[in-house]
N, C-alpha and C. Protein backbone atom coordinates (compact mmCIF):
# COMPACT_ATOMS: atom_id res chain seq x y z
N MET A 1 39.63 -5.07 2.13
CA MET A 1 38.77 -5.45 1.02
C MET A 1 39.56 -5.35 -0.27
N ASP A 2 39.77 -6.47 -0.91
CA ASP A 2 40.51 -6.47 -2.16
C ASP A 2 39.58 -6.38 -3.37
N ASN A 3 38.32 -6.72 -3.18
CA ASN A 3 37.36 -6.73 -4.26
C ASN A 3 36.78 -5.33 -4.47
N PRO A 4 36.94 -4.75 -5.67
CA PRO A 4 36.40 -3.40 -5.91
C PRO A 4 34.88 -3.32 -5.72
N LEU A 5 34.17 -4.41 -6.04
CA LEU A 5 32.71 -4.41 -5.86
C LEU A 5 32.36 -4.33 -4.38
N ASP A 6 33.11 -5.06 -3.54
CA ASP A 6 32.87 -5.00 -2.10
C ASP A 6 33.13 -3.59 -1.57
N GLU A 7 34.19 -2.97 -2.05
CA GLU A 7 34.50 -1.60 -1.62
C GLU A 7 33.39 -0.64 -2.05
N TRP A 8 32.95 -0.77 -3.29
CA TRP A 8 31.85 0.06 -3.78
C TRP A 8 30.60 -0.16 -2.92
N PHE A 9 30.27 -1.42 -2.62
CA PHE A 9 29.08 -1.75 -1.86
C PHE A 9 29.12 -1.12 -0.47
N ALA A 10 30.26 -1.21 0.18
CA ALA A 10 30.40 -0.61 1.52
C ALA A 10 30.28 0.90 1.46
N ARG A 11 30.90 1.50 0.45
CA ARG A 11 30.92 2.96 0.32
C ARG A 11 29.57 3.53 -0.12
N GLU A 12 28.88 2.87 -1.04
CA GLU A 12 27.67 3.42 -1.66
C GLU A 12 26.35 2.86 -1.11
N ILE A 13 26.38 1.67 -0.54
CA ILE A 13 25.13 1.03 -0.10
C ILE A 13 25.06 0.90 1.42
N LEU A 14 26.06 0.30 2.03
CA LEU A 14 26.00 0.05 3.47
C LEU A 14 25.90 1.33 4.29
N VAL A 15 26.35 2.44 3.76
CA VAL A 15 26.25 3.70 4.50
C VAL A 15 24.79 4.12 4.71
N HIS A 16 23.87 3.57 3.93
CA HIS A 16 22.46 3.93 4.03
C HIS A 16 21.66 2.95 4.89
N GLU A 17 22.36 2.07 5.60
CA GLU A 17 21.65 1.06 6.38
C GLU A 17 20.69 1.66 7.41
N PRO A 18 21.05 2.70 8.16
CA PRO A 18 20.06 3.25 9.12
C PRO A 18 18.78 3.72 8.43
N ALA A 19 18.91 4.39 7.31
CA ALA A 19 17.72 4.86 6.58
C ALA A 19 16.93 3.69 6.01
N LEU A 20 17.63 2.68 5.51
CA LEU A 20 16.95 1.49 4.98
C LEU A 20 16.18 0.78 6.09
N MET A 21 16.78 0.64 7.26
CA MET A 21 16.10 -0.02 8.37
C MET A 21 14.85 0.76 8.79
N ARG A 22 14.94 2.09 8.84
CA ARG A 22 13.76 2.89 9.19
C ARG A 22 12.66 2.68 8.17
N TYR A 23 13.03 2.63 6.90
CA TYR A 23 12.06 2.44 5.82
C TYR A 23 11.38 1.07 5.94
N LEU A 24 12.16 0.02 6.15
CA LEU A 24 11.61 -1.32 6.27
C LEU A 24 10.73 -1.45 7.51
N LEU A 25 11.19 -0.89 8.62
CA LEU A 25 10.41 -0.96 9.85
C LEU A 25 9.09 -0.20 9.74
N ARG A 26 9.12 0.87 8.96
CA ARG A 26 7.90 1.66 8.80
C ARG A 26 6.85 0.91 7.99
N TRP A 27 7.26 0.18 6.96
CA TRP A 27 6.30 -0.39 6.03
C TRP A 27 6.08 -1.89 6.18
N TRP A 28 6.97 -2.61 6.84
CA TRP A 28 6.75 -4.05 6.95
C TRP A 28 6.07 -4.36 8.28
N PRO A 29 4.97 -5.11 8.27
CA PRO A 29 4.19 -5.30 9.49
C PRO A 29 4.81 -6.23 10.54
N HIS A 30 5.81 -7.03 10.16
CA HIS A 30 6.41 -7.98 11.09
C HIS A 30 7.86 -7.59 11.36
N ARG A 31 8.07 -6.89 12.47
CA ARG A 31 9.39 -6.35 12.79
C ARG A 31 10.48 -7.42 12.85
N ASP A 32 10.12 -8.62 13.28
CA ASP A 32 11.11 -9.68 13.42
C ASP A 32 11.64 -10.15 12.06
N GLU A 33 10.95 -9.85 10.98
CA GLU A 33 11.38 -10.26 9.65
C GLU A 33 12.27 -9.22 8.97
N VAL A 34 12.34 -8.02 9.54
CA VAL A 34 13.06 -6.92 8.88
C VAL A 34 14.53 -7.22 8.65
N PRO A 35 15.28 -7.80 9.59
CA PRO A 35 16.69 -8.12 9.29
C PRO A 35 16.85 -9.04 8.07
N ASP A 36 15.95 -10.02 7.94
CA ASP A 36 16.02 -10.90 6.78
C ASP A 36 15.67 -10.15 5.49
N LEU A 37 14.70 -9.25 5.57
CA LEU A 37 14.36 -8.43 4.40
C LEU A 37 15.56 -7.60 3.97
N ARG A 38 16.21 -6.98 4.95
CA ARG A 38 17.38 -6.14 4.66
C ARG A 38 18.45 -6.96 3.93
N GLN A 39 18.71 -8.16 4.42
CA GLN A 39 19.73 -9.00 3.79
C GLN A 39 19.35 -9.37 2.36
N GLU A 40 18.08 -9.68 2.14
CA GLU A 40 17.63 -10.03 0.79
C GLU A 40 17.76 -8.83 -0.15
N VAL A 41 17.44 -7.65 0.35
CA VAL A 41 17.60 -6.43 -0.45
C VAL A 41 19.07 -6.24 -0.80
N TYR A 42 19.97 -6.42 0.19
CA TYR A 42 21.40 -6.30 -0.07
C TYR A 42 21.86 -7.29 -1.13
N VAL A 43 21.40 -8.52 -1.05
CA VAL A 43 21.79 -9.53 -2.04
C VAL A 43 21.36 -9.10 -3.43
N ARG A 44 20.12 -8.62 -3.55
CA ARG A 44 19.62 -8.22 -4.86
C ARG A 44 20.40 -7.02 -5.41
N VAL A 45 20.70 -6.06 -4.55
CA VAL A 45 21.46 -4.88 -5.00
C VAL A 45 22.88 -5.29 -5.40
N TYR A 46 23.50 -6.16 -4.61
CA TYR A 46 24.86 -6.61 -4.92
C TYR A 46 24.89 -7.33 -6.26
N GLU A 47 23.91 -8.22 -6.48
CA GLU A 47 23.85 -8.95 -7.74
C GLU A 47 23.63 -8.01 -8.92
N ALA A 48 22.78 -7.02 -8.75
CA ALA A 48 22.55 -6.04 -9.83
C ALA A 48 23.81 -5.24 -10.11
N ALA A 49 24.51 -4.85 -9.05
CA ALA A 49 25.74 -4.06 -9.22
C ALA A 49 26.84 -4.89 -9.85
N ALA A 50 26.84 -6.19 -9.62
CA ALA A 50 27.84 -7.06 -10.23
C ALA A 50 27.68 -7.08 -11.75
N ARG A 51 26.44 -6.91 -12.22
CA ARG A 51 26.20 -6.86 -13.67
C ARG A 51 26.59 -5.50 -14.24
N ALA A 52 26.21 -4.43 -13.51
CA ALA A 52 26.55 -3.08 -13.95
C ALA A 52 26.35 -2.13 -12.77
N LEU A 53 27.36 -1.33 -12.48
CA LEU A 53 27.24 -0.39 -11.37
C LEU A 53 26.18 0.66 -11.70
N PRO A 54 25.26 0.91 -10.77
CA PRO A 54 24.19 1.88 -11.03
C PRO A 54 24.69 3.32 -10.94
N GLN A 55 24.04 4.19 -11.66
CA GLN A 55 24.37 5.62 -11.60
C GLN A 55 23.94 6.22 -10.27
N GLN A 56 22.81 5.72 -9.72
CA GLN A 56 22.27 6.25 -8.46
C GLN A 56 22.08 5.10 -7.48
N PRO A 57 23.13 4.76 -6.75
CA PRO A 57 23.09 3.60 -5.86
C PRO A 57 21.99 3.67 -4.80
N LYS A 58 21.82 4.83 -4.17
CA LYS A 58 20.81 4.95 -3.12
C LYS A 58 19.41 4.73 -3.68
N SER A 59 19.17 5.26 -4.85
CA SER A 59 17.87 5.07 -5.49
C SER A 59 17.64 3.59 -5.78
N LEU A 60 18.66 2.91 -6.27
CA LEU A 60 18.55 1.47 -6.52
C LEU A 60 18.23 0.72 -5.23
N LEU A 61 18.89 1.08 -4.14
CA LEU A 61 18.68 0.41 -2.86
C LEU A 61 17.22 0.51 -2.42
N PHE A 62 16.66 1.71 -2.43
CA PHE A 62 15.30 1.88 -1.93
C PHE A 62 14.24 1.38 -2.91
N THR A 63 14.53 1.47 -4.19
CA THR A 63 13.60 0.90 -5.17
C THR A 63 13.57 -0.62 -5.03
N THR A 64 14.72 -1.21 -4.82
CA THR A 64 14.80 -2.66 -4.62
C THR A 64 14.03 -3.06 -3.36
N ALA A 65 14.19 -2.29 -2.29
CA ALA A 65 13.47 -2.59 -1.04
C ALA A 65 11.96 -2.50 -1.25
N ARG A 66 11.52 -1.45 -1.91
CA ARG A 66 10.09 -1.28 -2.16
C ARG A 66 9.55 -2.43 -3.00
N ASN A 67 10.25 -2.74 -4.09
CA ASN A 67 9.77 -3.80 -4.98
C ASN A 67 9.78 -5.17 -4.29
N PHE A 68 10.79 -5.42 -3.47
CA PHE A 68 10.86 -6.69 -2.77
C PHE A 68 9.70 -6.84 -1.79
N MET A 69 9.40 -5.78 -1.03
CA MET A 69 8.27 -5.85 -0.09
C MET A 69 6.95 -6.04 -0.83
N THR A 70 6.77 -5.32 -1.92
CA THR A 70 5.54 -5.44 -2.71
C THR A 70 5.39 -6.86 -3.24
N ASP A 71 6.45 -7.42 -3.79
CA ASP A 71 6.40 -8.80 -4.30
C ASP A 71 6.07 -9.78 -3.18
N ARG A 72 6.68 -9.58 -2.04
CA ARG A 72 6.45 -10.50 -0.93
C ARG A 72 5.02 -10.39 -0.39
N TRP A 73 4.48 -9.16 -0.34
CA TRP A 73 3.09 -8.98 0.09
C TRP A 73 2.15 -9.72 -0.85
N ARG A 74 2.38 -9.55 -2.14
CA ARG A 74 1.51 -10.20 -3.12
C ARG A 74 1.61 -11.72 -3.03
N ARG A 75 2.82 -12.22 -2.88
CA ARG A 75 3.03 -13.67 -2.84
C ARG A 75 2.42 -14.29 -1.58
N ASN A 76 2.59 -13.63 -0.44
CA ASN A 76 2.15 -14.19 0.83
C ASN A 76 0.80 -13.67 1.28
N ARG A 77 0.26 -12.71 0.56
CA ARG A 77 -0.99 -12.07 0.97
C ARG A 77 -0.88 -11.49 2.38
N VAL A 78 0.31 -11.00 2.71
CA VAL A 78 0.54 -10.36 4.00
C VAL A 78 0.51 -8.87 3.74
N VAL A 79 -0.70 -8.34 3.55
CA VAL A 79 -0.81 -6.96 3.12
C VAL A 79 -1.46 -6.12 4.20
N PRO A 80 -0.71 -5.24 4.83
CA PRO A 80 -1.33 -4.34 5.78
C PRO A 80 -2.15 -3.29 5.04
N LEU A 81 -3.02 -2.62 5.76
CA LEU A 81 -3.89 -1.63 5.14
C LEU A 81 -3.08 -0.53 4.46
N GLU A 82 -1.89 -0.21 5.03
CA GLU A 82 -1.07 0.84 4.42
C GLU A 82 -0.74 0.54 2.97
N ALA A 83 -0.77 -0.72 2.59
CA ALA A 83 -0.36 -1.13 1.27
C ALA A 83 -1.47 -0.99 0.26
N LEU A 84 -2.59 -0.43 0.61
CA LEU A 84 -3.66 -0.24 -0.37
C LEU A 84 -3.16 0.59 -1.54
N GLY A 85 -2.28 1.51 -1.24
CA GLY A 85 -1.72 2.31 -2.32
C GLY A 85 -0.30 1.87 -2.61
N GLU A 86 0.34 2.60 -3.46
CA GLU A 86 1.73 2.33 -3.81
C GLU A 86 2.63 2.70 -2.65
N LEU A 87 3.58 1.86 -2.33
CA LEU A 87 4.54 2.20 -1.30
C LEU A 87 5.38 3.37 -1.78
N PRO A 88 5.49 4.40 -0.99
CA PRO A 88 6.32 5.52 -1.41
C PRO A 88 7.79 5.21 -1.23
N LEU A 89 8.59 5.82 -2.06
CA LEU A 89 10.03 5.75 -1.88
C LEU A 89 10.43 6.92 -1.01
N PRO A 90 11.35 6.71 -0.08
CA PRO A 90 11.83 7.86 0.67
C PRO A 90 12.60 8.77 -0.28
N SER A 91 12.66 10.01 0.09
CA SER A 91 13.42 10.95 -0.73
C SER A 91 14.87 10.50 -0.78
N VAL A 92 15.42 10.44 -1.97
CA VAL A 92 16.83 10.01 -2.08
C VAL A 92 17.76 11.15 -1.70
N LEU A 93 17.21 12.34 -1.47
CA LEU A 93 18.05 13.46 -1.09
C LEU A 93 18.08 13.65 0.42
N VAL A 94 17.12 13.06 1.13
CA VAL A 94 17.02 13.25 2.57
C VAL A 94 17.04 11.89 3.25
N ASP A 95 18.00 11.67 4.14
CA ASP A 95 18.09 10.40 4.84
C ASP A 95 17.13 10.35 6.02
N GLU A 96 16.89 11.46 6.65
CA GLU A 96 16.11 11.47 7.87
C GLU A 96 14.64 11.72 7.59
N ILE A 97 13.79 10.97 8.27
CA ILE A 97 12.37 11.25 8.27
C ILE A 97 12.15 12.12 9.49
N THR A 98 11.72 13.35 9.27
CA THR A 98 11.57 14.28 10.38
C THR A 98 10.39 13.86 11.24
N PRO A 99 10.40 14.27 12.50
CA PRO A 99 9.26 13.96 13.38
C PRO A 99 7.94 14.51 12.83
N ASP A 100 7.98 15.67 12.20
CA ASP A 100 6.75 16.24 11.63
C ASP A 100 6.20 15.36 10.52
N ARG A 101 7.09 14.88 9.63
CA ARG A 101 6.63 14.01 8.54
C ARG A 101 6.11 12.69 9.08
N SER A 102 6.77 12.16 10.10
CA SER A 102 6.33 10.90 10.68
C SER A 102 4.96 11.07 11.35
N LEU A 103 4.76 12.15 12.06
CA LEU A 103 3.48 12.42 12.72
C LEU A 103 2.38 12.60 11.68
N ALA A 104 2.68 13.32 10.61
CA ALA A 104 1.69 13.54 9.54
C ALA A 104 1.30 12.21 8.89
N ALA A 105 2.28 11.35 8.67
CA ALA A 105 2.00 10.04 8.06
C ALA A 105 1.14 9.19 8.99
N GLN A 106 1.42 9.25 10.28
CA GLN A 106 0.61 8.49 11.24
C GLN A 106 -0.83 9.00 11.26
N ARG A 107 -1.00 10.33 11.20
CA ARG A 107 -2.35 10.89 11.16
C ARG A 107 -3.09 10.45 9.90
N GLU A 108 -2.41 10.50 8.77
CA GLU A 108 -3.04 10.08 7.51
C GLU A 108 -3.45 8.62 7.56
N LEU A 109 -2.60 7.78 8.12
CA LEU A 109 -2.91 6.37 8.22
C LEU A 109 -4.11 6.14 9.13
N ARG A 110 -4.15 6.81 10.28
CA ARG A 110 -5.30 6.67 11.18
C ARG A 110 -6.59 7.11 10.49
N CYS A 111 -6.51 8.18 9.73
CA CYS A 111 -7.68 8.67 9.00
C CYS A 111 -8.13 7.65 7.95
N LEU A 112 -7.18 7.05 7.25
CA LEU A 112 -7.49 6.04 6.25
C LEU A 112 -8.13 4.81 6.90
N VAL A 113 -7.59 4.38 8.02
CA VAL A 113 -8.15 3.23 8.73
C VAL A 113 -9.57 3.52 9.19
N ARG A 114 -9.79 4.72 9.76
CA ARG A 114 -11.15 5.10 10.20
C ARG A 114 -12.12 5.08 9.03
N ALA A 115 -11.69 5.66 7.91
CA ALA A 115 -12.56 5.71 6.73
C ALA A 115 -12.88 4.31 6.24
N PHE A 116 -11.87 3.45 6.17
CA PHE A 116 -12.08 2.08 5.71
C PHE A 116 -13.05 1.35 6.65
N ASP A 117 -12.84 1.49 7.95
CA ASP A 117 -13.69 0.82 8.93
C ASP A 117 -15.13 1.31 8.90
N ARG A 118 -15.35 2.55 8.46
CA ARG A 118 -16.70 3.12 8.45
C ARG A 118 -17.47 2.78 7.18
N LEU A 119 -16.83 2.15 6.22
CA LEU A 119 -17.55 1.75 5.01
C LEU A 119 -18.57 0.65 5.33
N PRO A 120 -19.67 0.62 4.61
CA PRO A 120 -20.58 -0.52 4.73
C PRO A 120 -19.81 -1.81 4.39
N ALA A 121 -20.23 -2.89 5.01
CA ALA A 121 -19.48 -4.15 4.90
C ALA A 121 -19.24 -4.59 3.46
N ARG A 122 -20.24 -4.51 2.61
CA ARG A 122 -20.07 -5.00 1.24
C ARG A 122 -19.13 -4.10 0.45
N ARG A 123 -19.20 -2.81 0.66
CA ARG A 123 -18.27 -1.91 -0.03
C ARG A 123 -16.85 -2.14 0.45
N ARG A 124 -16.71 -2.33 1.76
CA ARG A 124 -15.38 -2.60 2.32
C ARG A 124 -14.82 -3.89 1.73
N GLU A 125 -15.67 -4.91 1.61
CA GLU A 125 -15.21 -6.20 1.06
C GLU A 125 -14.79 -6.05 -0.41
N VAL A 126 -15.60 -5.35 -1.21
CA VAL A 126 -15.24 -5.15 -2.62
C VAL A 126 -13.92 -4.38 -2.73
N LEU A 127 -13.77 -3.32 -1.94
CA LEU A 127 -12.54 -2.53 -1.97
C LEU A 127 -11.33 -3.40 -1.60
N TRP A 128 -11.47 -4.20 -0.57
CA TRP A 128 -10.37 -5.06 -0.13
C TRP A 128 -10.00 -6.07 -1.22
N LEU A 129 -11.04 -6.73 -1.77
CA LEU A 129 -10.78 -7.76 -2.78
C LEU A 129 -10.13 -7.17 -4.03
N ARG A 130 -10.54 -5.97 -4.40
CA ARG A 130 -10.00 -5.36 -5.63
C ARG A 130 -8.62 -4.75 -5.42
N ARG A 131 -8.49 -3.92 -4.40
CA ARG A 131 -7.25 -3.15 -4.22
C ARG A 131 -6.15 -3.90 -3.49
N VAL A 132 -6.52 -4.80 -2.60
CA VAL A 132 -5.50 -5.52 -1.83
C VAL A 132 -5.24 -6.89 -2.42
N GLU A 133 -6.30 -7.66 -2.62
CA GLU A 133 -6.12 -9.00 -3.18
C GLU A 133 -6.02 -8.97 -4.71
N GLU A 134 -6.30 -7.82 -5.30
CA GLU A 134 -6.15 -7.58 -6.74
C GLU A 134 -6.95 -8.56 -7.60
N LEU A 135 -8.16 -8.89 -7.13
CA LEU A 135 -9.03 -9.76 -7.92
C LEU A 135 -9.74 -8.93 -8.99
N PRO A 136 -10.02 -9.53 -10.14
CA PRO A 136 -10.79 -8.83 -11.16
C PRO A 136 -12.24 -8.64 -10.69
N ILE A 137 -12.88 -7.60 -11.19
CA ILE A 137 -14.26 -7.28 -10.81
C ILE A 137 -15.18 -8.48 -11.03
N LYS A 138 -15.00 -9.17 -12.15
CA LYS A 138 -15.86 -10.31 -12.45
C LYS A 138 -15.76 -11.39 -11.37
N GLU A 139 -14.55 -11.67 -10.91
CA GLU A 139 -14.35 -12.69 -9.87
C GLU A 139 -14.93 -12.22 -8.53
N ILE A 140 -14.78 -10.92 -8.24
CA ILE A 140 -15.35 -10.37 -7.01
C ILE A 140 -16.87 -10.53 -7.04
N ALA A 141 -17.47 -10.20 -8.18
CA ALA A 141 -18.92 -10.30 -8.32
C ALA A 141 -19.38 -11.74 -8.11
N GLU A 142 -18.68 -12.68 -8.73
CA GLU A 142 -19.04 -14.09 -8.56
C GLU A 142 -18.90 -14.53 -7.11
N ARG A 143 -17.81 -14.14 -6.49
CA ARG A 143 -17.56 -14.54 -5.10
C ARG A 143 -18.63 -13.99 -4.15
N MET A 144 -19.09 -12.75 -4.43
CA MET A 144 -20.05 -12.10 -3.54
C MET A 144 -21.51 -12.33 -3.95
N GLY A 145 -21.72 -12.94 -5.12
CA GLY A 145 -23.08 -13.18 -5.58
C GLY A 145 -23.80 -11.94 -6.03
N ILE A 146 -23.05 -11.01 -6.65
CA ILE A 146 -23.63 -9.77 -7.16
C ILE A 146 -23.21 -9.62 -8.61
N THR A 147 -23.79 -8.66 -9.30
CA THR A 147 -23.41 -8.43 -10.69
C THR A 147 -22.10 -7.66 -10.75
N PRO A 148 -21.36 -7.78 -11.86
CA PRO A 148 -20.14 -6.99 -12.01
C PRO A 148 -20.41 -5.48 -11.91
N LYS A 149 -21.54 -5.04 -12.44
CA LYS A 149 -21.89 -3.61 -12.38
C LYS A 149 -22.06 -3.16 -10.93
N THR A 150 -22.72 -4.01 -10.12
CA THR A 150 -22.90 -3.68 -8.71
C THR A 150 -21.54 -3.65 -8.00
N ALA A 151 -20.68 -4.59 -8.33
CA ALA A 151 -19.34 -4.60 -7.73
C ALA A 151 -18.58 -3.33 -8.10
N GLU A 152 -18.68 -2.91 -9.36
CA GLU A 152 -18.03 -1.67 -9.79
C GLU A 152 -18.60 -0.47 -9.03
N ASN A 153 -19.92 -0.46 -8.85
CA ASN A 153 -20.54 0.65 -8.10
C ASN A 153 -20.04 0.68 -6.66
N HIS A 154 -19.98 -0.48 -6.02
CA HIS A 154 -19.47 -0.55 -4.64
C HIS A 154 -18.04 -0.02 -4.59
N LEU A 155 -17.22 -0.43 -5.54
CA LEU A 155 -15.82 0.01 -5.57
C LEU A 155 -15.73 1.52 -5.74
N ALA A 156 -16.49 2.05 -6.68
CA ALA A 156 -16.46 3.50 -6.92
C ALA A 156 -16.93 4.27 -5.69
N LEU A 157 -18.02 3.81 -5.07
CA LEU A 157 -18.55 4.51 -3.90
C LEU A 157 -17.60 4.40 -2.71
N ALA A 158 -16.98 3.24 -2.53
CA ALA A 158 -16.03 3.07 -1.43
C ALA A 158 -14.82 3.96 -1.63
N THR A 159 -14.30 3.99 -2.85
CA THR A 159 -13.13 4.81 -3.15
C THR A 159 -13.45 6.29 -2.95
N GLN A 160 -14.62 6.71 -3.42
CA GLN A 160 -15.02 8.11 -3.27
C GLN A 160 -15.21 8.48 -1.80
N ALA A 161 -15.85 7.59 -1.04
CA ALA A 161 -16.08 7.86 0.38
C ALA A 161 -14.76 8.00 1.13
N ILE A 162 -13.81 7.12 0.84
CA ILE A 162 -12.52 7.21 1.52
C ILE A 162 -11.79 8.48 1.09
N ALA A 163 -11.82 8.79 -0.18
CA ALA A 163 -11.17 10.02 -0.65
C ALA A 163 -11.80 11.25 -0.01
N ASP A 164 -13.13 11.27 0.10
CA ASP A 164 -13.81 12.41 0.73
C ASP A 164 -13.35 12.59 2.17
N MET A 165 -13.25 11.48 2.89
CA MET A 165 -12.87 11.60 4.29
C MET A 165 -11.39 11.93 4.45
N VAL A 166 -10.54 11.23 3.71
CA VAL A 166 -9.10 11.43 3.87
C VAL A 166 -8.66 12.79 3.32
N LEU A 167 -9.12 13.12 2.13
CA LEU A 167 -8.69 14.38 1.51
C LEU A 167 -9.51 15.57 1.95
N GLY A 168 -10.80 15.32 2.20
CA GLY A 168 -11.68 16.42 2.57
C GLY A 168 -11.86 16.59 4.05
N GLY A 169 -11.41 15.59 4.81
CA GLY A 169 -11.53 15.69 6.25
C GLY A 169 -12.96 15.54 6.75
N SER A 170 -13.85 15.03 5.91
CA SER A 170 -15.24 14.89 6.31
C SER A 170 -15.38 13.80 7.36
N ASP A 171 -16.19 14.06 8.37
CA ASP A 171 -16.46 13.06 9.38
C ASP A 171 -17.89 12.56 9.29
N ARG A 172 -18.58 12.91 8.23
CA ARG A 172 -19.96 12.45 8.11
C ARG A 172 -19.97 10.94 7.93
N PRO A 173 -21.03 10.28 8.36
CA PRO A 173 -21.06 8.82 8.22
C PRO A 173 -20.97 8.41 6.76
N LEU A 174 -20.12 7.45 6.48
CA LEU A 174 -19.93 7.01 5.10
C LEU A 174 -21.11 6.19 4.63
N ARG A 175 -21.91 5.67 5.54
CA ARG A 175 -23.06 4.85 5.17
C ARG A 175 -24.13 5.67 4.46
N ALA A 176 -24.07 6.99 4.59
CA ALA A 176 -25.10 7.83 3.99
C ALA A 176 -24.97 7.91 2.48
N ALA A 177 -23.81 7.56 1.95
CA ALA A 177 -23.60 7.66 0.50
C ALA A 177 -24.49 6.66 -0.22
N ARG A 178 -25.15 7.10 -1.28
CA ARG A 178 -26.05 6.25 -2.06
C ARG A 178 -25.62 6.27 -3.52
N PRO A 179 -25.80 5.16 -4.22
CA PRO A 179 -25.53 5.19 -5.64
C PRO A 179 -26.49 6.16 -6.31
N GLU A 180 -25.98 6.83 -7.31
CA GLU A 180 -26.84 7.75 -8.02
C GLU A 180 -27.66 6.98 -9.03
N SER A 181 -28.92 6.87 -8.72
CA SER A 181 -29.82 6.13 -9.58
C SER A 181 -31.23 6.54 -9.25
N GLY A 182 -32.03 6.72 -10.22
CA GLY A 182 -33.42 7.05 -10.00
C GLY A 182 -34.29 5.82 -10.01
N HIS A 183 -33.69 4.65 -9.99
CA HIS A 183 -34.46 3.42 -10.15
C HIS A 183 -34.74 2.70 -8.84
N GLY A 184 -34.50 3.30 -7.75
CA GLY A 184 -34.79 2.62 -6.50
C GLY A 184 -33.80 3.00 -5.44
N GLN A 185 -33.95 2.40 -4.29
CA GLN A 185 -33.07 2.70 -3.19
C GLN A 185 -32.21 1.50 -2.88
N GLU A 186 -31.19 1.78 -2.11
CA GLU A 186 -30.26 0.72 -1.74
C GLU A 186 -30.85 -0.07 -0.58
N ASP A 187 -30.78 -1.41 -0.66
CA ASP A 187 -31.24 -2.20 0.48
C ASP A 187 -30.13 -2.25 1.52
N GLY A 188 -30.31 -2.97 2.58
CA GLY A 188 -29.34 -3.01 3.67
C GLY A 188 -28.01 -3.62 3.29
N HIS A 189 -27.91 -4.26 2.14
CA HIS A 189 -26.66 -4.90 1.73
C HIS A 189 -25.95 -4.12 0.64
N GLY A 190 -26.39 -2.90 0.37
CA GLY A 190 -25.73 -2.10 -0.65
C GLY A 190 -26.19 -2.43 -2.04
N GLU A 191 -27.25 -3.23 -2.17
CA GLU A 191 -27.78 -3.59 -3.48
C GLU A 191 -28.93 -2.63 -3.83
N GLN A 192 -29.17 -2.48 -5.10
CA GLN A 192 -30.29 -1.65 -5.55
C GLN A 192 -31.58 -2.46 -5.45
N ARG A 193 -32.61 -1.83 -4.92
CA ARG A 193 -33.90 -2.50 -4.89
C ARG A 193 -34.85 -1.63 -5.68
N ARG A 194 -35.67 -2.23 -6.46
CA ARG A 194 -36.62 -1.50 -7.30
C ARG A 194 -37.96 -1.47 -6.59
N ASP A 195 -38.49 -0.27 -6.46
CA ASP A 195 -39.80 -0.12 -5.80
C ASP A 195 -40.92 -0.19 -6.79
């Protein structure tokens, strides 16, 4: 290698390929696309380094991978449930994901999926449209034929129910949650009905 940038890239970036592959395989839902994702991440890192060598190459590599996956999810609407929140960056100090951490992450994901699946249909739809498809509340309300205030209530109740189950470990049925209002009860569709 006669090119100093190529030498730097091999020394500072390519050495992290096993960790990068584990990260991509963990978060990208289509395993067959991971080699192409890896190459695109490498291209972006190489181009950035050609402009200015980064102080923390490994951090740049994983931040680039995270941002690339997030951009691609948004563009293609290929968003797995795991992506409801921010994709975490792996620790830049630890290359290996320990079996304990992997098992804990799998348990958390299963708990999140159970909580999401147990939401009433309208709350689940509002949560999906807002957090995954990133639609504004007003557009969600129009699409669902409800008021923006009702959409906000569904979102708040869905978020609270999932947080209660995931963080609190509650297994109580999520359908039991009711909006706090003294003006009536919720009908079967999660709407307020006035008696």
